[in-house]
PDB file of N, CA and C in Angstrom:
ATOM      1  N   MET A   1      29.331 -10.073 -72.227  1.00  0.00           N
ATOM      2  CA  MET A   1      27.945 -10.269 -71.634  1.00  0.00           C
ATOM      3  C   MET A   1      27.262 -11.965 -72.154  1.00  0.00           C
ATOM      4  N   PHE A   2      27.342 -13.129 -71.335  1.00  0.00           N
ATOM      5  CA  PHE A   2      25.946 -14.398 -72.807  1.00  0.00           C
ATOM      6  C   PHE A   2      25.396 -14.606 -72.233  1.00  0.00           C
ATOM      7  N   TYR A   3      24.318 -14.087 -74.000  1.00  0.00           N
ATOM      8  CA  TYR A   3      22.874 -14.310 -73.392  1.00  0.00           C
ATOM      9  C   TYR A   3      22.520 -16.204 -74.363  1.00  0.00           C
ATOM     10  N   VAL A   4      21.352 -16.649 -74.570  1.00  0.00           N
ATOM     11  CA  VAL A   4      21.365 -17.826 -74.114  1.00  0.00           C
ATOM     12  C   VAL A   4      18.869 -17.609 -75.238  1.00  0.00           C
ATOM     13  N   LYS A   5      18.080 -18.344 -75.875  1.00  0.00           N
ATOM     14  CA  LYS A   5      17.284 -18.076 -75.610  1.00  0.00           C
ATOM     15  C   LYS A   5      16.523 -19.786 -76.722  1.00  0.00           C
ATOM     16  N   LYS A   6      15.199 -19.628 -75.740  1.00  0.00           N
ATOM     17  CA  LYS A   6      14.813 -20.556 -75.642  1.00  0.00           C
ATOM     18  C   LYS A   6      13.285 -20.835 -76.024  1.00  0.00           C
ATOM     19  N   ARG A   7      13.111 -20.819 -77.147  1.00  0.00           N
ATOM     20  CA  ARG A   7      11.341 -20.685 -77.246  1.00  0.00           C
ATOM     21  C   ARG A   7      11.145 -22.267 -78.022  1.00  0.00           C
ATOM     22  N   PHE A   8       9.594 -22.585 -77.074  1.00  0.00           N
ATOM     23  CA  PHE A   8       9.365 -23.790 -77.312  1.00  0.00           C
ATOM     24  C   PHE A   8       7.610 -23.762 -77.059  1.00  0.00           C
ATOM     25  N   GLU A   9       6.548 -24.656 -77.949  1.00  0.00           N
ATOM     26  CA  GLU A   9       5.216 -24.381 -78.001  1.00  0.00           C
ATOM     27  C   GLU A   9       4.220 -25.319 -76.546  1.00  0.00           C
ATOM     28  N   ILE A  10       4.234 -25.535 -75.968  1.00  0.00           N
ATOM     29  CA  ILE A  10       3.623 -26.125 -75.111  1.00  0.00           C
ATOM     30  C   ILE A  10       2.202 -25.897 -75.154  1.00  0.00           C
ATOM     31  N   SER A  11       1.386 -27.571 -74.918  1.00  0.00           N
ATOM     32  CA  SER A  11       0.308 -26.986 -74.553  1.00  0.00           C
ATOM     33  C   SER A  11      -0.678 -27.535 -72.607  1.00  0.00           C
ATOM     34  N   ALA A  12      -1.101 -27.032 -72.775  1.00  0.00           N
ATOM     35  CA  ALA A  12      -2.001 -26.836 -71.255  1.00  0.00           C
ATOM     36  C   ALA A  12      -3.062 -26.059 -71.269  1.00  0.00           C
ATOM     37  N   ALA A  13      -3.575 -26.711 -69.926  1.00  0.00           N
ATOM     38  CA  ALA A  13      -4.494 -25.789 -68.975  1.00  0.00           C
ATOM     39  C   ALA A  13      -5.307 -24.859 -68.602  1.00  0.00           C
ATOM     40  N   HIS A  14      -5.652 -24.061 -68.120  1.00  0.00           N
ATOM     41  CA  HIS A  14      -5.708 -23.778 -66.632  1.00  0.00           C
ATOM     42  C   HIS A  14      -7.751 -22.923 -66.529  1.00  0.00           C
ATOM     43  N   ARG A  15      -7.062 -22.287 -65.100  1.00  0.00           N
ATOM     44  CA  ARG A  15      -8.377 -21.492 -65.024  1.00  0.00           C
ATOM     45  C   ARG A  15      -8.178 -20.118 -64.339  1.00  0.00           C
ATOM     46  N   LEU A  16      -8.622 -19.399 -64.316  1.00  0.00           N
ATOM     47  CA  LEU A  16      -8.349 -17.985 -64.425  1.00  0.00           C
ATOM     48  C   LEU A  16      -9.382 -17.842 -62.869  1.00  0.00           C
ATOM     49  N   ASP A  17      -8.696 -17.176 -61.817  1.00  0.00           N
ATOM     50  CA  ASP A  17      -9.386 -16.282 -60.553  1.00  0.00           C
ATOM     51  C   ASP A  17      -9.642 -15.628 -60.780  1.00  0.00           C
ATOM     52  N   LEU A  18     -10.651 -13.975 -61.137  1.00  0.00           N
ATOM     53  CA  LEU A  18     -11.502 -13.523 -61.325  1.00  0.00           C
ATOM     54  C   LEU A  18     -12.046 -12.901 -59.955  1.00  0.00           C
ATOM     55  N   GLY A  19     -11.789 -11.535 -60.429  1.00  0.00           N
ATOM     56  CA  GLY A  19     -13.109 -10.565 -59.179  1.00  0.00           C
ATOM     57  C   GLY A  19     -14.244  -9.936 -60.537  1.00  0.00           C
ATOM     58  N   TYR A  20     -13.892 -10.519 -61.210  1.00  0.00           N
ATOM     59  CA  TYR A  20     -14.906 -10.460 -62.806  1.00  0.00           C
ATOM     60  C   TYR A  20     -15.336 -11.379 -63.545  1.00  0.00           C
ATOM     61  N   GLU A  21     -16.777 -11.481 -63.756  1.00  0.00           N
ATOM     62  CA  GLU A  21     -17.694 -12.571 -64.355  1.00  0.00           C
ATOM     63  C   GLU A  21     -16.366 -12.253 -66.176  1.00  0.00           C
ATOM     64  N   SER A  22     -15.733 -13.591 -66.085  1.00  0.00           N
ATOM     65  CA  SER A  22     -15.386 -13.923 -67.389  1.00  0.00           C
ATOM     66  C   SER A  22     -15.532 -15.088 -68.121  1.00  0.00           C
ATOM     67  N   LYS A  23     -15.145 -16.009 -69.375  1.00  0.00           N
ATOM     68  CA  LYS A  23     -15.428 -17.693 -69.104  1.00  0.00           C
ATOM     69  C   LYS A  23     -14.370 -18.044 -68.627  1.00  0.00           C
ATOM     70  N   CYS A  24     -13.120 -16.931 -69.167  1.00  0.00           N
ATOM     71  CA  CYS A  24     -11.702 -17.349 -68.634  1.00  0.00           C
ATOM     72  C   CYS A  24     -12.264 -18.103 -67.340  1.00  0.00           C
ATOM     73  N   CYS A  25     -13.235 -18.114 -66.558  1.00  0.00           N
ATOM     74  CA  CYS A  25     -12.350 -18.510 -65.204  1.00  0.00           C
ATOM     75  C   CYS A  25     -13.197 -20.327 -65.376  1.00  0.00           C
ATOM     76  N   ASN A  26     -13.824 -20.336 -66.527  1.00  0.00           N
ATOM     77  CA  ASN A  26     -13.670 -21.965 -67.019  1.00  0.00           C
ATOM     78  C   ASN A  26     -12.675 -22.685 -66.886  1.00  0.00           C
ATOM     79  N   VAL A  27     -12.465 -23.996 -66.589  1.00  0.00           N
ATOM     80  CA  VAL A  27     -11.164 -24.083 -67.097  1.00  0.00           C
ATOM     81  C   VAL A  27     -11.476 -24.440 -68.784  1.00  0.00           C
ATOM     82  N   HIS A  28      -9.789 -24.289 -69.646  1.00  0.00           N
ATOM     83  CA  HIS A  28      -9.806 -23.743 -70.642  1.00  0.00           C
ATOM     84  C   HIS A  28      -8.087 -24.224 -71.656  1.00  0.00           C
ATOM     85  N   GLY A  29      -7.921 -24.024 -72.046  1.00  0.00           N
ATOM     86  CA  GLY A  29      -6.445 -24.821 -72.636  1.00  0.00           C
ATOM     87  C   GLY A  29      -6.119 -23.672 -74.048  1.00  0.00           C
ATOM     88  N   HIS A  30      -4.723 -23.743 -74.098  1.00  0.00           N
ATOM     89  CA  HIS A  30      -3.749 -22.347 -75.158  1.00  0.00           C
ATOM     90  C   HIS A  30      -2.577 -23.489 -75.784  1.00  0.00           C
ATOM     91  N   ASN A  31      -2.494 -23.022 -76.824  1.00  0.00           N
ATOM     92  CA  ASN A  31      -0.839 -23.855 -77.098  1.00  0.00           C
ATOM     93  C   ASN A  31       0.201 -23.143 -77.254  1.00  0.00           C
ATOM     94  N   TRP A  32       0.297 -22.993 -76.029  1.00  0.00           N
ATOM     95  CA  TRP A  32       1.357 -21.916 -74.957  1.00  0.00           C
ATOM     96  C   TRP A  32       3.284 -21.336 -76.275  1.00  0.00           C
ATOM     97  N   ILE A  33       3.453 -20.813 -76.814  1.00  0.00           N
ATOM     98  CA  ILE A  33       4.736 -19.950 -76.646  1.00  0.00           C
ATOM     99  C   ILE A  33       5.346 -19.820 -76.345  1.00  0.00           C
ATOM    100  N   ILE A  34       6.823 -20.147 -75.321  1.00  0.00           N
ATOM    101  CA  ILE A  34       7.021 -19.570 -74.140  1.00  0.00           C
ATOM    102  C   ILE A  34       8.049 -19.623 -74.793  1.00  0.00           C
ATOM    103  N   THR A  35       9.060 -17.560 -74.380  1.00  0.00           N
ATOM    104  CA  THR A  35      10.548 -16.859 -75.137  1.00  0.00           C
ATOM    105  C   THR A  35      10.637 -17.721 -73.606  1.00  0.00           C
ATOM    106  N   VAL A  36      11.390 -18.299 -73.474  1.00  0.00           N
ATOM    107  CA  VAL A  36      13.508 -18.549 -72.445  1.00  0.00           C
ATOM    108  C   VAL A  36      14.190 -17.586 -72.734  1.00  0.00           C
ATOM    109  N   GLU A  37      14.667 -16.762 -71.963  1.00  0.00           N
ATOM    110  CA  GLU A  37      16.401 -15.793 -72.000  1.00  0.00           C
ATOM    111  C   GLU A  37      16.664 -15.935 -71.235  1.00  0.00           C
ATOM    112  N   CYS A  38      18.166 -16.066 -70.852  1.00  0.00           N
ATOM    113  CA  CYS A  38      18.943 -17.001 -70.076  1.00  0.00           C
ATOM    114  C   CYS A  38      20.644 -15.573 -70.690  1.00  0.00           C
ATOM    115  N   ARG A  39      20.726 -14.515 -69.034  1.00  0.00           N
ATOM    116  CA  ARG A  39      22.028 -14.174 -69.455  1.00  0.00           C
ATOM    117  C   ARG A  39      22.585 -14.819 -68.285  1.00  0.00           C
ATOM    118  N   ALA A  40      24.716 -14.620 -68.869  1.00  0.00           N
ATOM    119  CA  ALA A  40      25.927 -14.474 -67.321  1.00  0.00           C
ATOM    120  C   ALA A  40      27.269 -14.054 -67.815  1.00  0.00           C
ATOM    121  N   LYS A  41      27.336 -13.014 -67.370  1.00  0.00           N
ATOM    122  CA  LYS A  41      28.539 -12.842 -67.631  1.00  0.00           C
ATOM    123  C   LYS A  41      29.652 -13.796 -68.136  1.00  0.00           C
ATOM    124  N   GLU A  42      29.782 -14.823 -66.912  1.00  0.00           N
ATOM    125  CA  GLU A  42      30.240 -15.899 -67.433  1.00  0.00           C
ATOM    126  C   GLU A  42      30.189 -17.434 -67.577  1.00  0.00           C
ATOM    127  N   LEU A  43      30.828 -18.085 -68.461  1.00  0.00           N
ATOM    128  CA  LEU A  43      29.825 -18.987 -68.589  1.00  0.00           C
ATOM    129  C   LEU A  43      30.384 -20.165 -67.923  1.00  0.00           C
ATOM    130  N   ASN A  44      29.445 -20.908 -67.534  1.00  0.00           N
ATOM    131  CA  ASN A  44      29.559 -22.076 -66.633  1.00  0.00           C
ATOM    132  C   ASN A  44      30.906 -22.536 -67.099  1.00  0.00           C
ATOM    133  N   SER A  45      31.111 -24.229 -66.312  1.00  0.00           N
ATOM    134  CA  SER A  45      31.927 -25.201 -66.456  1.00  0.00           C
ATOM    135  C   SER A  45      32.012 -25.617 -68.520  1.00  0.00           C
ATOM    136  N   ASP A  46      30.941 -26.079 -68.057  1.00  0.00           N
ATOM    137  CA  ASP A  46      30.614 -26.408 -69.082  1.00  0.00           C
ATOM    138  C   ASP A  46      30.551 -25.142 -71.184  1.00  0.00           C
ATOM    139  N   GLY A  47      30.537 -24.349 -70.581  1.00  0.00           N
ATOM    140  CA  GLY A  47      30.764 -23.519 -71.523  1.00  0.00           C
ATOM    141  C   GLY A  47      29.427 -23.104 -71.947  1.00  0.00           C
ATOM    142  N   MET A  48      28.628 -23.322 -71.080  1.00  0.00           N
ATOM    143  CA  MET A  48      27.007 -22.401 -71.450  1.00  0.00           C
ATOM    144  C   MET A  48      26.830 -21.022 -70.311  1.00  0.00           C
ATOM    145  N   VAL A  49      25.630 -20.585 -70.592  1.00  0.00           N
ATOM    146  CA  VAL A  49      25.075 -20.376 -69.658  1.00  0.00           C
ATOM    147  C   VAL A  49      24.356 -20.609 -69.120  1.00  0.00           C
ATOM    148  N   THR A  50      22.853 -21.917 -70.221  1.00  0.00           N
ATOM    149  CA  THR A  50      22.588 -22.173 -68.480  1.00  0.00           C
ATOM    150  C   THR A  50      21.914 -23.803 -70.730  1.00  0.00           C
ATOM    151  N   ASP A  51      21.972 -24.959 -69.892  1.00  0.00           N
ATOM    152  CA  ASP A  51      21.783 -25.817 -70.237  1.00  0.00           C
ATOM    153  C   ASP A  51      20.267 -25.246 -71.692  1.00  0.00           C
ATOM    154  N   PHE A  52      20.332 -25.710 -72.038  1.00  0.00           N
ATOM    155  CA  PHE A  52      18.497 -25.923 -72.986  1.00  0.00           C
ATOM    156  C   PHE A  52      17.651 -27.116 -72.752  1.00  0.00           C
ATOM    157  N   THR A  53      18.412 -27.974 -72.902  1.00  0.00           N
ATOM    158  CA  THR A  53      18.039 -29.518 -72.473  1.00  0.00           C
ATOM    159  C   THR A  53      17.643 -28.768 -70.353  1.00  0.00           C
ATOM    160  N   HIS A  54      17.934 -27.949 -69.887  1.00  0.00           N
ATOM    161  CA  HIS A  54      17.898 -28.150 -68.431  1.00  0.00           C
ATOM    162  C   HIS A  54      16.383 -26.459 -68.034  1.00  0.00           C
ATOM    163  N   ILE A  55      16.657 -25.750 -69.457  1.00  0.00           N
ATOM    164  CA  ILE A  55      15.658 -25.331 -69.297  1.00  0.00           C
ATOM    165  C   ILE A  55      13.922 -26.279 -70.010  1.00  0.00           C
ATOM    166  N   LYS A  56      14.059 -27.270 -70.558  1.00  0.00           N
ATOM    167  CA  LYS A  56      13.137 -27.965 -71.729  1.00  0.00           C
ATOM    168  C   LYS A  56      12.541 -28.142 -69.988  1.00  0.00           C
ATOM    169  N   GLN A  57      13.589 -28.912 -69.039  1.00  0.00           N
ATOM    170  CA  GLN A  57      13.226 -30.136 -67.725  1.00  0.00           C
ATOM    171  C   GLN A  57      12.389 -28.711 -66.570  1.00  0.00           C
ATOM    172  N   LEU A  58      12.944 -27.280 -66.940  1.00  0.00           N
ATOM    173  CA  LEU A  58      12.328 -26.881 -65.593  1.00  0.00           C
ATOM    174  C   LEU A  58      10.614 -26.427 -66.214  1.00  0.00           C
ATOM    175  N   VAL A  59      11.049 -26.443 -67.441  1.00  0.00           N
ATOM    176  CA  VAL A  59      10.088 -26.155 -67.097  1.00  0.00           C
ATOM    177  C   VAL A  59       8.502 -26.547 -68.307  1.00  0.00           C
ATOM    178  N   VAL A  60       9.031 -27.146 -69.774  1.00  0.00           N
ATOM    179  CA  VAL A  60       8.527 -28.090 -71.212  1.00  0.00           C
ATOM    180  C   VAL A  60       7.798 -29.576 -70.147  1.00  0.00           C
ATOM    181  N   ASP A  61       8.876 -29.876 -69.297  1.00  0.00           N
ATOM    182  CA  ASP A  61       8.626 -31.093 -68.931  1.00  0.00           C
ATOM    183  C   ASP A  61       6.942 -30.725 -67.519  1.00  0.00           C
ATOM    184  N   LYS A  62       7.837 -29.788 -66.429  1.00  0.00           N
ATOM    185  CA  LYS A  62       6.539 -29.789 -65.316  1.00  0.00           C
ATOM    186  C   LYS A  62       5.065 -29.121 -65.526  1.00  0.00           C
ATOM    187  N   LEU A  63       5.161 -28.032 -66.995  1.00  0.00           N
ATOM    188  CA  LEU A  63       4.065 -27.400 -67.568  1.00  0.00           C
ATOM    189  C   LEU A  63       3.327 -28.264 -68.755  1.00  0.00           C
ATOM    190  N   ASP A  64       3.660 -28.827 -69.921  1.00  0.00           N
ATOM    191  CA  ASP A  64       3.202 -29.010 -71.058  1.00  0.00           C
ATOM    192  C   ASP A  64       2.314 -30.361 -70.389  1.00  0.00           C
ATOM    193  N   HIS A  65       0.321 -30.323 -70.891  1.00  0.00           N
ATOM    194  CA  HIS A  65      -0.203 -31.473 -70.897  1.00  0.00           C
ATOM    195  C   HIS A  65      -0.226 -31.004 -69.461  1.00  0.00           C
ATOM    196  N   ALA A  66      -0.002 -29.997 -68.881  1.00  0.00           N
ATOM    197  CA  ALA A  66      -0.750 -29.780 -67.355  1.00  0.00           C
ATOM    198  C   ALA A  66      -1.485 -29.168 -67.017  1.00  0.00           C
ATOM    199  N   VAL A  67      -2.485 -28.992 -66.503  1.00  0.00           N
ATOM    200  CA  VAL A  67      -3.178 -27.985 -65.796  1.00  0.00           C
ATOM    201  C   VAL A  67      -2.776 -26.644 -64.980  1.00  0.00           C
ATOM    202  N   ILE A  68      -2.335 -26.042 -65.131  1.00  0.00           N
ATOM    203  CA  ILE A  68      -0.826 -25.149 -64.617  1.00  0.00           C
ATOM    204  C   ILE A  68      -1.584 -24.744 -63.345  1.00  0.00           C
ATOM    205  N   ASN A  69      -2.422 -24.974 -62.936  1.00  0.00           N
ATOM    206  CA  ASN A  69      -3.171 -24.323 -61.083  1.00  0.00           C
ATOM    207  C   ASN A  69      -2.766 -25.505 -60.683  1.00  0.00           C
ATOM    208  N   ASP A  70      -2.503 -26.160 -61.106  1.00  0.00           N
ATOM    209  CA  ASP A  70      -2.455 -27.621 -60.074  1.00  0.00           C
ATOM    210  C   ASP A  70      -0.413 -27.418 -60.001  1.00  0.00           C
ATOM    211  N   VAL A  71       0.366 -26.807 -60.898  1.00  0.00           N
ATOM    212  CA  VAL A  71       1.685 -26.228 -60.720  1.00  0.00           C
ATOM    213  C   VAL A  71       2.008 -25.455 -60.389  1.00  0.00           C
ATOM    214  N   LEU A  72       1.430 -23.674 -60.808  1.00  0.00           N
ATOM    215  CA  LEU A  72       2.148 -22.902 -60.330  1.00  0.00           C
ATOM    216  C   LEU A  72       0.869 -21.993 -58.679  1.00  0.00           C
ATOM    217  N   ASP A  73       1.625 -21.874 -57.800  1.00  0.00           N
ATOM    218  CA  ASP A  73       1.349 -20.638 -56.340  1.00  0.00           C
ATOM    219  C   ASP A  73      -0.142 -19.912 -56.414  1.00  0.00           C
ATOM    220  N   VAL A  74       0.135 -19.715 -57.976  1.00  0.00           N
ATOM    221  CA  VAL A  74      -0.660 -17.634 -57.656  1.00  0.00           C
ATOM    222  C   VAL A  74      -1.670 -17.979 -59.160  1.00  0.00           C
ATOM    223  N   ASN A  75      -2.344 -17.548 -58.976  1.00  0.00           N
ATOM    224  CA  ASN A  75      -3.078 -16.707 -60.129  1.00  0.00           C
ATOM    225  C   ASN A  75      -2.384 -17.049 -61.493  1.00  0.00           C
ATOM    226  N   PRO A  76      -2.939 -18.546 -62.208  1.00  0.00           N
ATOM    227  CA  PRO A  76      -1.961 -18.542 -63.649  1.00  0.00           C
ATOM    228  C   PRO A  76      -1.860 -17.688 -64.858  1.00  0.00           C
ATOM    229  N   THR A  77      -1.832 -16.985 -64.724  1.00  0.00           N
ATOM    230  CA  THR A  77      -2.036 -15.231 -65.214  1.00  0.00           C
ATOM    231  C   THR A  77      -0.717 -15.842 -66.666  1.00  0.00           C
ATOM    232  N   ALA A  78      -0.487 -15.274 -67.455  1.00  0.00           N
ATOM    233  CA  ALA A  78      -0.113 -14.532 -68.514  1.00  0.00           C
ATOM    234  C   ALA A  78       1.068 -14.640 -67.912  1.00  0.00           C
ATOM    235  N   GLU A  79       0.750 -13.297 -66.969  1.00  0.00           N
ATOM    236  CA  GLU A  79       1.793 -12.612 -66.498  1.00  0.00           C
ATOM    237  C   GLU A  79       3.339 -13.662 -65.886  1.00  0.00           C
ATOM    238  N   ASN A  80       1.972 -14.347 -64.174  1.00  0.00           N
ATOM    239  CA  ASN A  80       2.127 -14.252 -63.322  1.00  0.00           C
ATOM    240  C   ASN A  80       3.217 -15.694 -63.357  1.00  0.00           C
ATOM    241  N   ILE A  81       2.619 -16.810 -65.147  1.00  0.00           N
ATOM    242  CA  ILE A  81       3.724 -17.571 -65.706  1.00  0.00           C
ATOM    243  C   ILE A  81       5.169 -17.232 -65.850  1.00  0.00           C
ATOM    244  N   ALA A  82       4.648 -16.343 -66.393  1.00  0.00           N
ATOM    245  CA  ALA A  82       6.677 -15.404 -67.241  1.00  0.00           C
ATOM    246  C   ALA A  82       7.349 -15.267 -65.479  1.00  0.00           C
ATOM    247  N   LYS A  83       6.646 -14.688 -65.268  1.00  0.00           N
ATOM    248  CA  LYS A  83       7.625 -13.978 -63.788  1.00  0.00           C
ATOM    249  C   LYS A  83       7.447 -16.278 -63.428  1.00  0.00           C
ATOM    250  N   TRP A  84       7.216 -16.922 -62.800  1.00  0.00           N
ATOM    251  CA  TRP A  84       7.586 -18.002 -62.336  1.00  0.00           C
ATOM    252  C   TRP A  84       8.241 -18.630 -63.364  1.00  0.00           C
ATOM    253  N   ILE A  85       8.058 -18.492 -64.123  1.00  0.00           N
ATOM    254  CA  ILE A  85      10.067 -19.200 -65.134  1.00  0.00           C
ATOM    255  C   ILE A  85      10.999 -18.384 -64.732  1.00  0.00           C
ATOM    256  N   VAL A  86      11.187 -17.250 -64.849  1.00  0.00           N
ATOM    257  CA  VAL A  86      11.812 -16.865 -64.710  1.00  0.00           C
ATOM    258  C   VAL A  86      12.373 -16.786 -63.170  1.00  0.00           C
ATOM    259  N   ASP A  87      12.110 -17.148 -62.398  1.00  0.00           N
ATOM    260  CA  ASP A  87      12.550 -17.579 -60.685  1.00  0.00           C
ATOM    261  C   ASP A  87      13.272 -18.832 -60.841  1.00  0.00           C
ATOM    262  N   ASN A  88      12.530 -19.856 -61.900  1.00  0.00           N
ATOM    263  CA  ASN A  88      12.627 -21.249 -61.935  1.00  0.00           C
ATOM    264  C   ASN A  88      13.849 -21.289 -62.111  1.00  0.00           C
ATOM    265  N   VAL A  89      14.741 -20.460 -63.701  1.00  0.00           N
ATOM    266  CA  VAL A  89      15.211 -21.155 -64.673  1.00  0.00           C
ATOM    267  C   VAL A  89      16.593 -20.951 -64.166  1.00  0.00           C
ATOM    268  N   PRO A  90      16.956 -20.937 -63.580  1.00  0.00           N
ATOM    269  CA  PRO A  90      18.938 -19.872 -63.665  1.00  0.00           C
ATOM    270  C   PRO A  90      19.277 -19.417 -64.865  1.00  0.00           C
ATOM    271  N   ASN A  91      20.274 -18.515 -64.554  1.00  0.00           N
ATOM    272  CA  ASN A  91      19.964 -17.497 -65.188  1.00  0.00           C
ATOM    273  C   ASN A  91      19.459 -16.994 -65.906  1.00  0.00           C
ATOM    274  N   CYS A  92      17.589 -16.882 -65.436  1.00  0.00           N
ATOM    275  CA  CYS A  92      17.144 -16.463 -67.067  1.00  0.00           C
ATOM    276  C   CYS A  92      16.960 -15.139 -66.138  1.00  0.00           C
ATOM    277  N   TRP A  93      16.297 -14.095 -66.985  1.00  0.00           N
ATOM    278  CA  TRP A  93      16.393 -12.480 -66.279  1.00  0.00           C
ATOM    279  C   TRP A  93      15.125 -11.990 -67.311  1.00  0.00           C
ATOM    280  N   ARG A  94      14.490 -13.019 -68.185  1.00  0.00           N
ATOM    281  CA  ARG A  94      13.191 -12.608 -68.667  1.00  0.00           C
ATOM    282  C   ARG A  94      12.866 -13.602 -69.530  1.00  0.00           C
ATOM    283  N   CYS A  95      11.015 -14.075 -69.609  1.00  0.00           N
ATOM    284  CA  CYS A  95      10.671 -14.755 -70.353  1.00  0.00           C
ATOM    285  C   CYS A  95       9.450 -14.233 -71.318  1.00  0.00           C
ATOM    286  N   GLU A  96       8.576 -14.608 -72.256  1.00  0.00           N
ATOM    287  CA  GLU A  96       7.334 -14.002 -72.551  1.00  0.00           C
ATOM    288  C   GLU A  96       6.493 -15.060 -72.831  1.00  0.00           C
ATOM    289  N   VAL A  97       5.366 -15.253 -72.629  1.00  0.00           N
ATOM    290  CA  VAL A  97       4.112 -16.600 -72.561  1.00  0.00           C
ATOM    291  C   VAL A  97       3.379 -15.907 -74.215  1.00  0.00           C
ATOM    292  N   GLN A  98       3.109 -15.939 -74.696  1.00  0.00           N
ATOM    293  CA  GLN A  98       2.399 -16.081 -75.782  1.00  0.00           C
ATOM    294  C   GLN A  98       1.090 -16.926 -76.280  1.00  0.00           C
ATOM    295  N   GLU A  99      -0.149 -16.747 -75.129  1.00  0.00           N
ATOM    296  CA  GLU A  99      -0.602 -17.165 -74.808  1.00  0.00           C
ATOM    297  C   GLU A  99      -1.819 -18.235 -76.272  1.00  0.00           C
ATOM    298  N   SER A 100      -1.880 -16.943 -76.967  1.00  0.00           N
ATOM    299  CA  SER A 100      -3.024 -17.547 -78.724  1.00  0.00           C
ATOM    300  C   SER A 100      -1.932 -15.721 -79.386  1.00  0.00           C
ATOM    301  N   GLU A 101      -2.810 -16.154 -80.228  1.00  0.00           N
ATOM    302  CA  GLU A 101      -2.133 -14.691 -81.518  1.00  0.00           C
ATOM    303  C   GLU A 101      -2.745 -13.520 -80.676  1.00  0.00           C
ATOM    304  N   GLY A 102      -0.579 -12.424 -80.483  1.00  0.00           N
ATOM    305  CA  GLY A 102      -1.628 -11.116 -80.619  1.00  0.00           C
ATOM    306  C   GLY A 102      -1.777 -11.447 -79.069  1.00  0.00           C
ATOM    307  N   ASN A 103      -2.041 -12.540 -77.982  1.00  0.00           N
ATOM    308  CA  ASN A 103      -2.122 -12.225 -76.449  1.00  0.00           C
ATOM    309  C   ASN A 103      -0.926 -12.565 -75.515  1.00  0.00           C
ATOM    310  N   SER A 104       0.412 -11.766 -75.059  1.00  0.00           N
ATOM    311  CA  SER A 104       1.515 -12.262 -75.016  1.00  0.00           C
ATOM    312  C   SER A 104       1.223 -11.337 -73.518  1.00  0.00           C
ATOM    313  N   ALA A 105       2.698 -11.585 -72.800  1.00  0.00           N
ATOM    314  CA  ALA A 105       2.598 -10.755 -71.456  1.00  0.00           C
ATOM    315  C   ALA A 105       4.760 -11.443 -71.062  1.00  0.00           C
ATOM    316  N   ALA A 106       5.397 -11.144 -70.498  1.00  0.00           N
ATOM    317  CA  ALA A 106       6.548 -10.418 -70.789  1.00  0.00           C
ATOM    318  C   ALA A 106       6.913 -10.525 -68.801  1.00  0.00           C
ATOM    319  N   TYR A 107       7.905 -11.363 -68.722  1.00  0.00           N
ATOM    320  CA  TYR A 107       8.070 -10.775 -67.118  1.00  0.00           C
ATOM    321  C   TYR A 107       9.781 -10.505 -67.316  1.00  0.00           C
ATOM    322  N   GLU A 108      10.567  -8.813 -66.943  1.00  0.00           N
ATOM    323  CA  GLU A 108      12.424  -9.297 -66.315  1.00  0.00           C
ATOM    324  C   GLU A 108      12.345  -8.763 -64.925  1.00  0.00           C
ATOM    325  N   LYS A 109      13.510  -9.584 -65.098  1.00  0.00           N
ATOM    326  CA  LYS A 109      14.418  -9.407 -63.424  1.00  0.00           C
ATOM    327  C   LYS A 109      15.260  -8.200 -63.510  1.00  0.00           C
ATOM    328  N   ASP A 110      14.885  -7.381 -62.190  1.00  0.00           N
ATOM    329  CA  ASP A 110      15.017  -6.328 -62.044  1.00  0.00           C
ATOM    330  C   ASP A 110      16.579  -6.669 -61.935  1.00  0.00           C
ATOM    331  N   PHE A 111      18.190  -6.115 -61.823  1.00  0.00           N
ATOM    332  CA  PHE A 111      18.964  -6.141 -62.350  1.00  0.00           C
ATOM    333  C   PHE A 111      20.108  -4.638 -60.720  1.00  0.00           C
TER     334      PHE A 111
END
C-alpha cells in the first residue's frame, strides 16, 4: 500500500447551525490546519497515489478565504468538513481538520 499525506493551513469562516445557543452560530473565522491522507494499492500512470497539486485544487482552492457555509451542503462542523474532503479527494481515506489549538476532528472512510 502506498500513502501520501498533505498538510496545509487555510483561513476561512463559517457559521454553525446548532440546536442550542452558542456564539458559534455567528459567522466567525479560523486558521484551519487540514491534513489529507490518501492511499492506493497501485500507483497511477504518473507514479503517484494522488498528485499533491490536485489535493490543493480540490481543497485549498475551494475553502481558503471562503465562507464554508457557501461551499458545503451540510452544517460546516469540523467533522463534516473532514468528511467532505474525504468524499471529494481521490484515494482519500482519512482527513483531520483542526479549527483551533486543541480542537480537531477526523473522518476515516470504512473499507
